[in-house]
């Protein structure tokens, strides 16, 4: 029903999320935190199915608990994380995405392409990452399966166009 008078609409700060933890999990204050496939908080890692939600605001030990028994506050923002030794981020990567290596380290590339966020700056101490920008990245398989024939266009030209677009997106780390 539409309003017919003023309303005091409650507000919750959007940069902090209160997320129930997965079972048998410890999240450490300051660590990159992700949601697993069940929507529960876990330490961020280079593992399939994780989506970064931000930085843990406190340490929460649910190592003896069931899923959802405890929760963590995760904050989105621009944070300084360690730079990978194996896949280091350089100034040339600024503006692109940092990928999770573990809950304190980000990398220029990774196996599962779990995005930590947009790279803001790189310095000797580490990498500044904006965890507010972790939008879903479509997989190459998803793009390859797209059907471009709805408007009647078929043939090798369409296939060449699709492959060119896919190559550009992969080069910019915009697809897995």
N, C-alpha and C. Protein backbone atom coordinates (compact mmCIF):
# COMPACT_ATOMS: atom_id res chain seq x y z
N UNK A 1 0.85 -1.17 0.00
CA UNK A 1 0.00 0.00 0.00
C UNK A 1 0.90 1.23 0.00
N UNK A 2 0.65 2.20 -0.86
CA UNK A 2 1.48 3.42 -0.91
C UNK A 2 1.30 4.27 0.36
N UNK A 3 2.33 5.05 0.65
CA UNK A 3 2.30 5.94 1.81
C UNK A 3 1.21 7.00 1.65
N UNK A 4 0.62 7.34 2.77
CA UNK A 4 -0.33 8.46 2.81
C UNK A 4 0.14 9.51 3.81
N UNK A 5 1.29 9.23 4.45
CA UNK A 5 1.89 10.16 5.41
C UNK A 5 3.39 9.88 5.49
N UNK A 6 4.11 10.74 6.17
CA UNK A 6 5.55 10.55 6.34
C UNK A 6 5.84 9.24 7.06
N UNK A 7 7.01 8.69 6.78
CA UNK A 7 7.40 7.42 7.38
C UNK A 7 8.84 7.51 7.83
N UNK A 8 9.14 7.01 9.02
CA UNK A 8 10.51 6.93 9.51
C UNK A 8 11.08 5.59 9.04
N UNK A 9 11.76 5.59 7.91
CA UNK A 9 12.33 4.37 7.36
C UNK A 9 13.69 4.13 7.99
N UNK A 10 13.80 3.01 8.70
CA UNK A 10 15.06 2.69 9.37
C UNK A 10 16.17 2.48 8.37
N UNK A 11 17.39 2.74 8.83
CA UNK A 11 18.57 2.63 7.96
C UNK A 11 19.62 1.76 8.62
N UNK A 12 20.31 1.02 7.79
CA UNK A 12 21.46 0.24 8.23
C UNK A 12 22.61 0.66 7.33
N UNK A 13 23.81 0.94 7.89
CA UNK A 13 24.93 1.32 7.02
C UNK A 13 25.18 0.24 5.98
N UNK A 14 25.17 0.61 4.72
CA UNK A 14 25.33 -0.35 3.64
C UNK A 14 26.71 -0.93 3.51
N UNK A 15 27.71 -0.27 4.09
CA UNK A 15 29.06 -0.78 3.93
C UNK A 15 29.39 -1.90 4.93
N UNK A 16 28.52 -2.11 5.92
CA UNK A 16 28.75 -3.20 6.88
C UNK A 16 27.62 -4.22 6.76
N UNK A 17 28.02 -5.48 6.57
CA UNK A 17 27.06 -6.57 6.49
C UNK A 17 27.28 -7.51 7.66
N UNK A 18 26.20 -8.00 8.23
CA UNK A 18 26.24 -8.95 9.33
C UNK A 18 25.95 -10.32 8.74
N UNK A 19 26.98 -11.18 8.64
CA UNK A 19 26.87 -12.44 7.91
C UNK A 19 27.09 -13.63 8.85
N UNK A 20 26.14 -14.57 8.89
CA UNK A 20 26.35 -15.79 9.68
C UNK A 20 27.54 -16.60 9.15
N UNK A 21 28.32 -17.18 10.06
CA UNK A 21 29.49 -17.96 9.68
C UNK A 21 29.12 -19.39 9.29
N UNK A 22 29.97 -19.96 8.45
CA UNK A 22 29.87 -21.38 8.12
C UNK A 22 30.26 -22.19 9.36
N UNK A 23 29.87 -23.44 9.38
CA UNK A 23 30.26 -24.33 10.47
C UNK A 23 31.78 -24.52 10.48
N UNK A 24 32.32 -24.75 11.68
CA UNK A 24 33.74 -25.06 11.84
C UNK A 24 34.64 -24.03 11.17
N UNK A 25 34.35 -22.75 11.38
CA UNK A 25 35.06 -21.66 10.70
C UNK A 25 35.54 -20.61 11.69
N UNK A 26 36.75 -20.10 11.44
CA UNK A 26 37.28 -18.95 12.18
C UNK A 26 37.58 -17.86 11.15
N UNK A 27 37.04 -16.67 11.39
CA UNK A 27 37.33 -15.50 10.56
C UNK A 27 38.10 -14.53 11.44
N UNK A 28 39.24 -14.05 10.92
CA UNK A 28 40.09 -13.16 11.72
C UNK A 28 39.86 -11.70 11.35
N UNK A 29 39.88 -10.84 12.38
CA UNK A 29 39.74 -9.41 12.19
C UNK A 29 40.76 -8.93 11.16
N UNK A 30 40.30 -8.14 10.20
CA UNK A 30 41.18 -7.58 9.18
C UNK A 30 41.33 -8.45 7.95
N UNK A 31 40.81 -9.67 8.01
CA UNK A 31 40.95 -10.59 6.89
C UNK A 31 39.86 -10.39 5.84
N UNK A 32 40.23 -10.68 4.60
CA UNK A 32 39.23 -10.70 3.54
C UNK A 32 38.22 -11.80 3.86
N UNK A 33 36.96 -11.46 3.74
CA UNK A 33 35.88 -12.39 4.09
C UNK A 33 35.00 -12.60 2.87
N UNK A 34 34.53 -13.83 2.69
CA UNK A 34 33.72 -14.17 1.53
C UNK A 34 32.48 -14.96 1.97
N UNK A 35 31.52 -15.03 1.06
CA UNK A 35 30.36 -15.91 1.24
C UNK A 35 30.64 -17.19 0.46
N UNK A 36 30.28 -18.32 1.08
CA UNK A 36 30.39 -19.58 0.36
C UNK A 36 29.08 -19.83 -0.39
N UNK A 37 28.95 -20.99 -1.01
CA UNK A 37 27.77 -21.32 -1.79
C UNK A 37 26.49 -21.35 -0.99
N UNK A 38 26.59 -21.50 0.34
CA UNK A 38 25.42 -21.50 1.21
C UNK A 38 25.12 -20.11 1.76
N UNK A 39 25.92 -19.10 1.35
CA UNK A 39 25.71 -17.73 1.82
C UNK A 39 26.33 -17.46 3.18
N UNK A 40 27.13 -18.37 3.69
CA UNK A 40 27.77 -18.21 5.00
C UNK A 40 29.16 -17.59 4.85
N UNK A 41 29.58 -16.87 5.88
CA UNK A 41 30.89 -16.21 5.87
C UNK A 41 32.00 -17.22 6.11
N UNK A 42 33.07 -17.06 5.32
CA UNK A 42 34.29 -17.88 5.45
C UNK A 42 35.48 -16.96 5.15
N UNK A 43 36.68 -17.35 5.58
CA UNK A 43 37.85 -16.58 5.15
C UNK A 43 37.97 -16.66 3.63
N UNK A 44 38.27 -15.54 2.98
CA UNK A 44 38.42 -15.55 1.53
C UNK A 44 39.59 -16.44 1.14
N UNK A 45 39.44 -17.12 0.01
CA UNK A 45 40.48 -18.02 -0.50
C UNK A 45 40.29 -18.14 -2.00
N UNK A 46 41.29 -18.68 -2.67
CA UNK A 46 41.18 -18.95 -4.11
C UNK A 46 40.47 -20.29 -4.27
N UNK A 47 39.16 -20.28 -4.04
CA UNK A 47 38.35 -21.50 -4.09
C UNK A 47 37.06 -21.22 -4.86
N UNK A 48 36.64 -22.18 -5.63
CA UNK A 48 35.44 -22.03 -6.45
C UNK A 48 34.22 -21.71 -5.60
N UNK A 49 33.38 -20.82 -6.12
CA UNK A 49 32.11 -20.52 -5.49
C UNK A 49 32.12 -19.44 -4.42
N UNK A 50 33.27 -18.86 -4.12
CA UNK A 50 33.32 -17.82 -3.09
C UNK A 50 33.10 -16.44 -3.71
N UNK A 51 32.46 -15.54 -2.94
CA UNK A 51 32.25 -14.16 -3.35
C UNK A 51 32.66 -13.26 -2.18
N UNK A 52 33.65 -12.41 -2.43
CA UNK A 52 34.16 -11.52 -1.38
C UNK A 52 33.09 -10.53 -0.96
N UNK A 53 32.97 -10.35 0.37
CA UNK A 53 32.01 -9.38 0.91
C UNK A 53 32.69 -8.22 1.61
N UNK A 54 33.98 -8.35 1.92
CA UNK A 54 34.69 -7.23 2.55
C UNK A 54 35.71 -7.71 3.56
N UNK A 55 36.01 -6.81 4.52
CA UNK A 55 37.01 -7.06 5.56
C UNK A 55 36.30 -7.37 6.87
N UNK A 56 36.71 -8.44 7.55
CA UNK A 56 36.12 -8.79 8.84
C UNK A 56 36.45 -7.70 9.86
N UNK A 57 35.44 -7.27 10.58
CA UNK A 57 35.61 -6.21 11.57
C UNK A 57 36.00 -6.74 12.95
N UNK A 58 35.88 -8.04 13.15
CA UNK A 58 36.29 -8.66 14.41
C UNK A 58 36.62 -10.12 14.14
N UNK A 59 37.37 -10.72 15.06
CA UNK A 59 37.64 -12.16 14.97
C UNK A 59 36.46 -12.90 15.55
N UNK A 60 35.98 -13.90 14.80
CA UNK A 60 34.86 -14.72 15.27
C UNK A 60 35.26 -16.19 15.11
N UNK A 61 35.22 -16.91 16.21
CA UNK A 61 35.63 -18.32 16.22
C UNK A 61 34.38 -19.20 16.33
N UNK A 62 34.01 -19.78 15.21
CA UNK A 62 32.89 -20.72 15.17
C UNK A 62 33.42 -22.13 14.88
N UNK A 63 34.65 -22.39 15.34
CA UNK A 63 35.29 -23.67 15.03
C UNK A 63 34.57 -24.86 15.64
N UNK A 64 33.80 -24.64 16.70
CA UNK A 64 33.04 -25.73 17.32
C UNK A 64 31.54 -25.57 17.09
N UNK A 65 31.17 -24.60 16.24
CA UNK A 65 29.74 -24.32 16.08
C UNK A 65 29.15 -24.80 14.77
N UNK A 66 27.83 -24.82 14.75
CA UNK A 66 27.10 -25.17 13.53
C UNK A 66 27.00 -23.94 12.64
N UNK A 67 26.65 -24.15 11.40
CA UNK A 67 26.46 -23.04 10.46
C UNK A 67 25.43 -22.07 11.01
N UNK A 68 25.79 -20.79 11.03
CA UNK A 68 24.88 -19.76 11.48
C UNK A 68 24.85 -19.54 12.98
N UNK A 69 25.61 -20.32 13.75
CA UNK A 69 25.60 -20.16 15.21
C UNK A 69 26.17 -18.80 15.63
N UNK A 70 27.15 -18.31 14.87
CA UNK A 70 27.75 -17.00 15.13
C UNK A 70 27.80 -16.23 13.81
N UNK A 71 28.01 -14.92 13.92
CA UNK A 71 28.07 -14.07 12.73
C UNK A 71 29.22 -13.10 12.84
N UNK A 72 29.63 -12.56 11.69
CA UNK A 72 30.72 -11.59 11.62
C UNK A 72 30.22 -10.34 10.91
N UNK A 73 30.74 -9.20 11.30
CA UNK A 73 30.48 -7.97 10.56
C UNK A 73 31.59 -7.81 9.53
N UNK A 74 31.22 -7.69 8.28
CA UNK A 74 32.18 -7.49 7.20
C UNK A 74 31.92 -6.12 6.57
N UNK A 75 32.98 -5.35 6.45
CA UNK A 75 32.85 -3.99 5.94
C UNK A 75 33.42 -3.90 4.53
N UNK A 76 32.68 -3.21 3.66
CA UNK A 76 33.17 -2.92 2.32
C UNK A 76 33.87 -1.57 2.35
N UNK A 77 34.93 -1.43 1.54
CA UNK A 77 35.67 -0.19 1.50
C UNK A 77 36.98 -0.39 0.76
N UNK A 78 37.90 0.54 0.95
CA UNK A 78 39.23 0.46 0.33
C UNK A 78 40.22 0.09 1.43
N UNK A 79 40.85 -1.08 1.27
CA UNK A 79 41.73 -1.62 2.30
C UNK A 79 43.07 -2.04 1.70
N UNK A 80 44.10 -2.05 2.56
CA UNK A 80 45.44 -2.45 2.16
C UNK A 80 45.66 -3.93 2.48
N UNK A 81 45.93 -4.73 1.44
CA UNK A 81 46.20 -6.15 1.61
C UNK A 81 47.60 -6.46 1.09
N UNK A 82 48.15 -7.58 1.52
CA UNK A 82 49.47 -8.01 1.08
C UNK A 82 49.44 -8.34 -0.42
N UNK A 83 50.57 -8.09 -1.08
CA UNK A 83 50.71 -8.40 -2.50
C UNK A 83 51.30 -9.80 -2.65
N UNK A 84 50.82 -10.53 -3.62
CA UNK A 84 51.27 -11.90 -3.88
C UNK A 84 52.73 -11.94 -4.31
N UNK A 85 53.45 -12.94 -3.83
CA UNK A 85 54.81 -13.19 -4.32
C UNK A 85 54.78 -13.95 -5.64
N UNK A 86 53.77 -14.81 -5.81
CA UNK A 86 53.68 -15.65 -7.01
C UNK A 86 53.07 -14.94 -8.21
N UNK A 87 52.04 -14.13 -7.97
CA UNK A 87 51.35 -13.39 -9.04
C UNK A 87 51.22 -11.92 -8.60
N UNK A 88 52.34 -11.19 -8.51
CA UNK A 88 52.29 -9.84 -7.95
C UNK A 88 51.49 -8.85 -8.79
N UNK A 89 50.88 -7.94 -8.08
CA UNK A 89 50.16 -6.83 -8.70
C UNK A 89 51.13 -5.68 -8.84
N UNK A 90 51.13 -5.03 -10.02
CA UNK A 90 52.01 -3.90 -10.28
C UNK A 90 51.17 -2.66 -10.58
N UNK A 91 51.84 -1.54 -10.75
CA UNK A 91 51.13 -0.29 -11.09
C UNK A 91 50.36 -0.44 -12.38
N UNK A 92 50.81 -1.29 -13.27
CA UNK A 92 50.10 -1.51 -14.54
C UNK A 92 48.73 -2.14 -14.33
N UNK A 93 48.48 -2.75 -13.17
CA UNK A 93 47.20 -3.39 -12.88
C UNK A 93 46.18 -2.44 -12.25
N UNK A 94 46.60 -1.23 -11.86
CA UNK A 94 45.68 -0.28 -11.21
C UNK A 94 44.48 -0.04 -12.13
N UNK A 95 43.29 -0.14 -11.54
CA UNK A 95 42.04 0.01 -12.28
C UNK A 95 41.44 -1.33 -12.66
N UNK A 96 42.26 -2.38 -12.63
CA UNK A 96 41.77 -3.73 -12.90
C UNK A 96 41.36 -4.39 -11.60
N UNK A 97 41.15 -5.70 -11.65
CA UNK A 97 40.71 -6.43 -10.47
C UNK A 97 41.86 -7.19 -9.82
N UNK A 98 41.83 -7.21 -8.48
CA UNK A 98 42.72 -8.05 -7.69
C UNK A 98 41.97 -9.33 -7.39
N UNK A 99 42.69 -10.44 -7.43
CA UNK A 99 42.09 -11.73 -7.15
C UNK A 99 42.60 -12.25 -5.81
N UNK A 100 41.78 -13.02 -5.13
CA UNK A 100 42.12 -13.54 -3.80
C UNK A 100 43.15 -14.66 -3.92
N UNK A 101 44.21 -14.53 -3.11
CA UNK A 101 45.15 -15.63 -2.94
C UNK A 101 44.83 -16.34 -1.63
N UNK A 102 44.64 -15.53 -0.57
CA UNK A 102 44.16 -16.03 0.72
C UNK A 102 43.51 -14.85 1.44
N UNK A 103 43.18 -14.99 2.69
CA UNK A 103 42.41 -13.94 3.37
C UNK A 103 43.21 -12.70 3.73
N UNK A 104 44.50 -12.66 3.37
CA UNK A 104 45.27 -11.43 3.58
C UNK A 104 46.08 -11.03 2.35
N UNK A 105 46.01 -11.81 1.28
CA UNK A 105 46.86 -11.60 0.12
C UNK A 105 46.04 -11.55 -1.16
N UNK A 106 46.38 -10.57 -2.02
CA UNK A 106 45.73 -10.46 -3.32
C UNK A 106 46.76 -10.66 -4.43
N UNK A 107 46.26 -11.06 -5.61
CA UNK A 107 47.14 -11.42 -6.72
C UNK A 107 46.60 -10.87 -8.03
N UNK A 108 47.48 -10.82 -9.04
CA UNK A 108 47.07 -10.35 -10.36
C UNK A 108 46.33 -11.42 -11.14
N UNK A 109 46.44 -12.67 -10.70
CA UNK A 109 45.76 -13.78 -11.36
C UNK A 109 45.59 -14.91 -10.35
N UNK A 110 44.65 -15.80 -10.62
CA UNK A 110 44.43 -16.93 -9.73
C UNK A 110 43.68 -18.02 -10.48
N UNK A 111 43.64 -19.18 -9.90
CA UNK A 111 42.97 -20.31 -10.54
C UNK A 111 41.46 -20.11 -10.66
N UNK A 112 40.83 -19.66 -9.58
CA UNK A 112 39.36 -19.57 -9.55
C UNK A 112 38.80 -18.17 -9.76
N UNK A 113 39.67 -17.19 -9.95
CA UNK A 113 39.26 -15.82 -10.26
C UNK A 113 38.25 -15.25 -9.25
N UNK A 114 38.50 -15.50 -7.96
CA UNK A 114 37.68 -14.89 -6.92
C UNK A 114 38.15 -13.45 -6.77
N UNK A 115 37.30 -12.50 -7.16
CA UNK A 115 37.70 -11.10 -7.14
C UNK A 115 37.65 -10.52 -5.73
N UNK A 116 38.79 -9.93 -5.32
CA UNK A 116 38.84 -9.23 -4.04
C UNK A 116 38.25 -7.83 -4.20
N UNK A 117 38.42 -7.25 -5.39
CA UNK A 117 37.92 -5.91 -5.66
C UNK A 117 38.79 -5.20 -6.67
N UNK A 118 38.45 -3.94 -6.91
CA UNK A 118 39.16 -3.11 -7.89
C UNK A 118 40.45 -2.59 -7.27
N UNK A 119 41.54 -2.66 -8.03
CA UNK A 119 42.85 -2.18 -7.55
C UNK A 119 42.87 -0.66 -7.62
N UNK A 120 43.11 -0.02 -6.47
CA UNK A 120 43.14 1.43 -6.38
C UNK A 120 44.57 1.96 -6.45
N UNK A 121 45.50 1.26 -5.79
CA UNK A 121 46.89 1.70 -5.76
C UNK A 121 47.77 0.53 -5.35
N UNK A 122 49.04 0.62 -5.70
CA UNK A 122 50.04 -0.38 -5.32
C UNK A 122 51.20 0.38 -4.70
N UNK A 123 51.63 -0.07 -3.55
CA UNK A 123 52.77 0.55 -2.88
C UNK A 123 53.63 -0.53 -2.25
N UNK A 124 54.72 -0.14 -1.68
CA UNK A 124 55.66 -1.10 -1.10
C UNK A 124 55.01 -1.97 -0.04
N UNK A 125 54.07 -1.40 0.73
CA UNK A 125 53.44 -2.15 1.82
C UNK A 125 52.39 -3.14 1.33
N UNK A 126 51.89 -2.96 0.10
CA UNK A 126 50.86 -3.86 -0.40
C UNK A 126 50.00 -3.21 -1.47
N UNK A 127 48.76 -3.70 -1.57
CA UNK A 127 47.83 -3.28 -2.62
C UNK A 127 46.56 -2.73 -1.98
N UNK A 128 46.16 -1.53 -2.41
CA UNK A 128 44.90 -0.94 -1.96
C UNK A 128 43.80 -1.46 -2.87
N UNK A 129 42.80 -2.11 -2.25
CA UNK A 129 41.73 -2.76 -2.99
C UNK A 129 40.39 -2.23 -2.53
N UNK A 130 39.54 -1.88 -3.50
CA UNK A 130 38.18 -1.42 -3.21
C UNK A 130 37.25 -2.63 -3.25
N UNK A 131 36.89 -3.13 -2.07
CA UNK A 131 36.05 -4.33 -1.99
C UNK A 131 34.58 -4.06 -2.32
N UNK A 132 34.24 -2.79 -2.57
CA UNK A 132 32.86 -2.48 -2.97
C UNK A 132 32.61 -2.87 -4.42
N UNK A 133 33.69 -3.05 -5.19
CA UNK A 133 33.57 -3.36 -6.61
C UNK A 133 34.03 -4.80 -6.85
N UNK A 134 33.15 -5.75 -6.54
CA UNK A 134 33.46 -7.18 -6.75
C UNK A 134 32.36 -7.85 -7.56
N UNK A 135 31.79 -7.12 -8.53
CA UNK A 135 30.69 -7.65 -9.32
C UNK A 135 30.99 -9.01 -9.91
N UNK A 136 29.94 -9.77 -10.15
CA UNK A 136 30.10 -11.11 -10.70
C UNK A 136 30.76 -11.06 -12.07
N UNK A 137 31.64 -11.99 -12.29
CA UNK A 137 32.33 -12.11 -13.57
C UNK A 137 31.74 -13.31 -14.29
N UNK A 138 31.19 -13.13 -15.49
CA UNK A 138 30.67 -14.30 -16.20
C UNK A 138 31.81 -15.18 -16.66
N UNK A 139 31.55 -16.46 -16.75
CA UNK A 139 32.57 -17.38 -17.23
C UNK A 139 32.64 -17.36 -18.74
N UNK A 140 33.77 -17.78 -19.28
CA UNK A 140 33.93 -17.89 -20.73
C UNK A 140 32.90 -18.87 -21.29
N UNK A 141 32.60 -19.93 -20.54
CA UNK A 141 31.61 -20.91 -21.00
C UNK A 141 30.24 -20.26 -21.16
N UNK A 142 29.89 -19.36 -20.24
CA UNK A 142 28.61 -18.67 -20.33
C UNK A 142 28.55 -17.83 -21.60
N UNK A 143 29.61 -17.10 -21.88
CA UNK A 143 29.63 -16.26 -23.08
C UNK A 143 29.64 -17.09 -24.35
N UNK A 144 30.37 -18.20 -24.33
CA UNK A 144 30.44 -19.05 -25.50
C UNK A 144 29.06 -19.64 -25.82
N UNK A 145 28.26 -19.88 -24.78
CA UNK A 145 26.95 -20.48 -24.97
C UNK A 145 25.89 -19.47 -25.42
N UNK A 146 26.23 -18.19 -25.43
CA UNK A 146 25.25 -17.19 -25.86
C UNK A 146 24.80 -17.46 -27.29
N UNK A 147 23.53 -17.23 -27.52
CA UNK A 147 22.95 -17.45 -28.84
C UNK A 147 22.75 -16.10 -29.51
N UNK A 148 23.54 -15.82 -30.52
CA UNK A 148 23.45 -14.55 -31.23
C UNK A 148 22.55 -14.63 -32.46
N UNK A 149 21.77 -15.69 -32.58
CA UNK A 149 20.99 -15.89 -33.80
C UNK A 149 19.56 -15.39 -33.70
N UNK A 150 19.19 -14.81 -32.57
CA UNK A 150 17.81 -14.37 -32.39
C UNK A 150 17.34 -13.39 -33.45
N UNK A 151 18.24 -12.55 -33.96
CA UNK A 151 17.86 -11.58 -34.97
C UNK A 151 18.09 -12.07 -36.38
N UNK A 152 18.38 -13.35 -36.52
CA UNK A 152 18.59 -13.92 -37.84
C UNK A 152 20.04 -13.95 -38.28
N UNK A 153 20.95 -13.37 -37.49
CA UNK A 153 22.37 -13.36 -37.86
C UNK A 153 22.99 -14.70 -37.52
N UNK A 154 23.60 -15.34 -38.49
CA UNK A 154 24.26 -16.62 -38.27
C UNK A 154 25.55 -16.65 -39.08
N UNK A 155 26.29 -17.72 -38.93
CA UNK A 155 27.44 -17.93 -39.79
C UNK A 155 28.75 -17.56 -39.14
N UNK A 156 29.82 -17.65 -39.94
CA UNK A 156 31.18 -17.44 -39.42
C UNK A 156 31.42 -16.01 -38.92
N UNK A 157 30.72 -15.02 -39.46
CA UNK A 157 30.92 -13.64 -39.00
C UNK A 157 30.47 -13.48 -37.55
N UNK A 158 29.35 -14.09 -37.23
CA UNK A 158 28.83 -14.01 -35.86
C UNK A 158 29.78 -14.74 -34.91
N UNK A 159 30.24 -15.92 -35.31
CA UNK A 159 31.18 -16.68 -34.49
C UNK A 159 32.48 -15.90 -34.29
N UNK A 160 32.98 -15.27 -35.32
CA UNK A 160 34.21 -14.47 -35.22
C UNK A 160 34.00 -13.28 -34.28
N UNK A 161 32.83 -12.64 -34.37
CA UNK A 161 32.53 -11.52 -33.49
C UNK A 161 32.49 -11.97 -32.04
N UNK A 162 31.79 -13.07 -31.77
CA UNK A 162 31.68 -13.59 -30.41
C UNK A 162 33.07 -13.92 -29.86
N UNK A 163 33.92 -14.56 -30.66
CA UNK A 163 35.27 -14.91 -30.21
C UNK A 163 36.12 -13.68 -29.95
N UNK A 164 35.96 -12.64 -30.76
CA UNK A 164 36.71 -11.40 -30.56
C UNK A 164 36.29 -10.72 -29.25
N UNK A 165 34.99 -10.67 -29.00
CA UNK A 165 34.49 -10.06 -27.76
C UNK A 165 35.00 -10.85 -26.55
N UNK A 166 34.93 -12.16 -26.63
CA UNK A 166 35.40 -13.01 -25.54
C UNK A 166 36.89 -12.79 -25.28
N UNK A 167 37.70 -12.68 -26.31
CA UNK A 167 39.14 -12.46 -26.15
C UNK A 167 39.42 -11.13 -25.46
N UNK A 168 38.67 -10.10 -25.82
CA UNK A 168 38.84 -8.78 -25.19
C UNK A 168 38.48 -8.84 -23.72
N UNK A 169 37.38 -9.48 -23.40
CA UNK A 169 36.94 -9.59 -22.00
C UNK A 169 37.93 -10.41 -21.19
N UNK A 170 38.46 -11.48 -21.75
CA UNK A 170 39.44 -12.29 -21.03
C UNK A 170 40.75 -11.51 -20.81
N UNK A 171 41.17 -10.75 -21.79
CA UNK A 171 42.40 -9.96 -21.67
C UNK A 171 42.28 -8.93 -20.55
N UNK A 172 41.09 -8.40 -20.34
CA UNK A 172 40.87 -7.43 -19.28
C UNK A 172 40.46 -8.05 -17.95
N UNK A 173 40.59 -9.38 -17.83
CA UNK A 173 40.18 -10.10 -16.61
C UNK A 173 38.71 -9.82 -16.26
N UNK A 174 37.88 -9.67 -17.28
CA UNK A 174 36.47 -9.41 -17.05
C UNK A 174 35.62 -10.68 -17.14
N UNK A 175 36.23 -11.78 -17.54
CA UNK A 175 35.59 -13.09 -17.52
C UNK A 175 36.57 -14.09 -16.96
N UNK A 176 36.04 -15.20 -16.45
CA UNK A 176 36.88 -16.26 -15.88
C UNK A 176 37.48 -17.06 -17.01
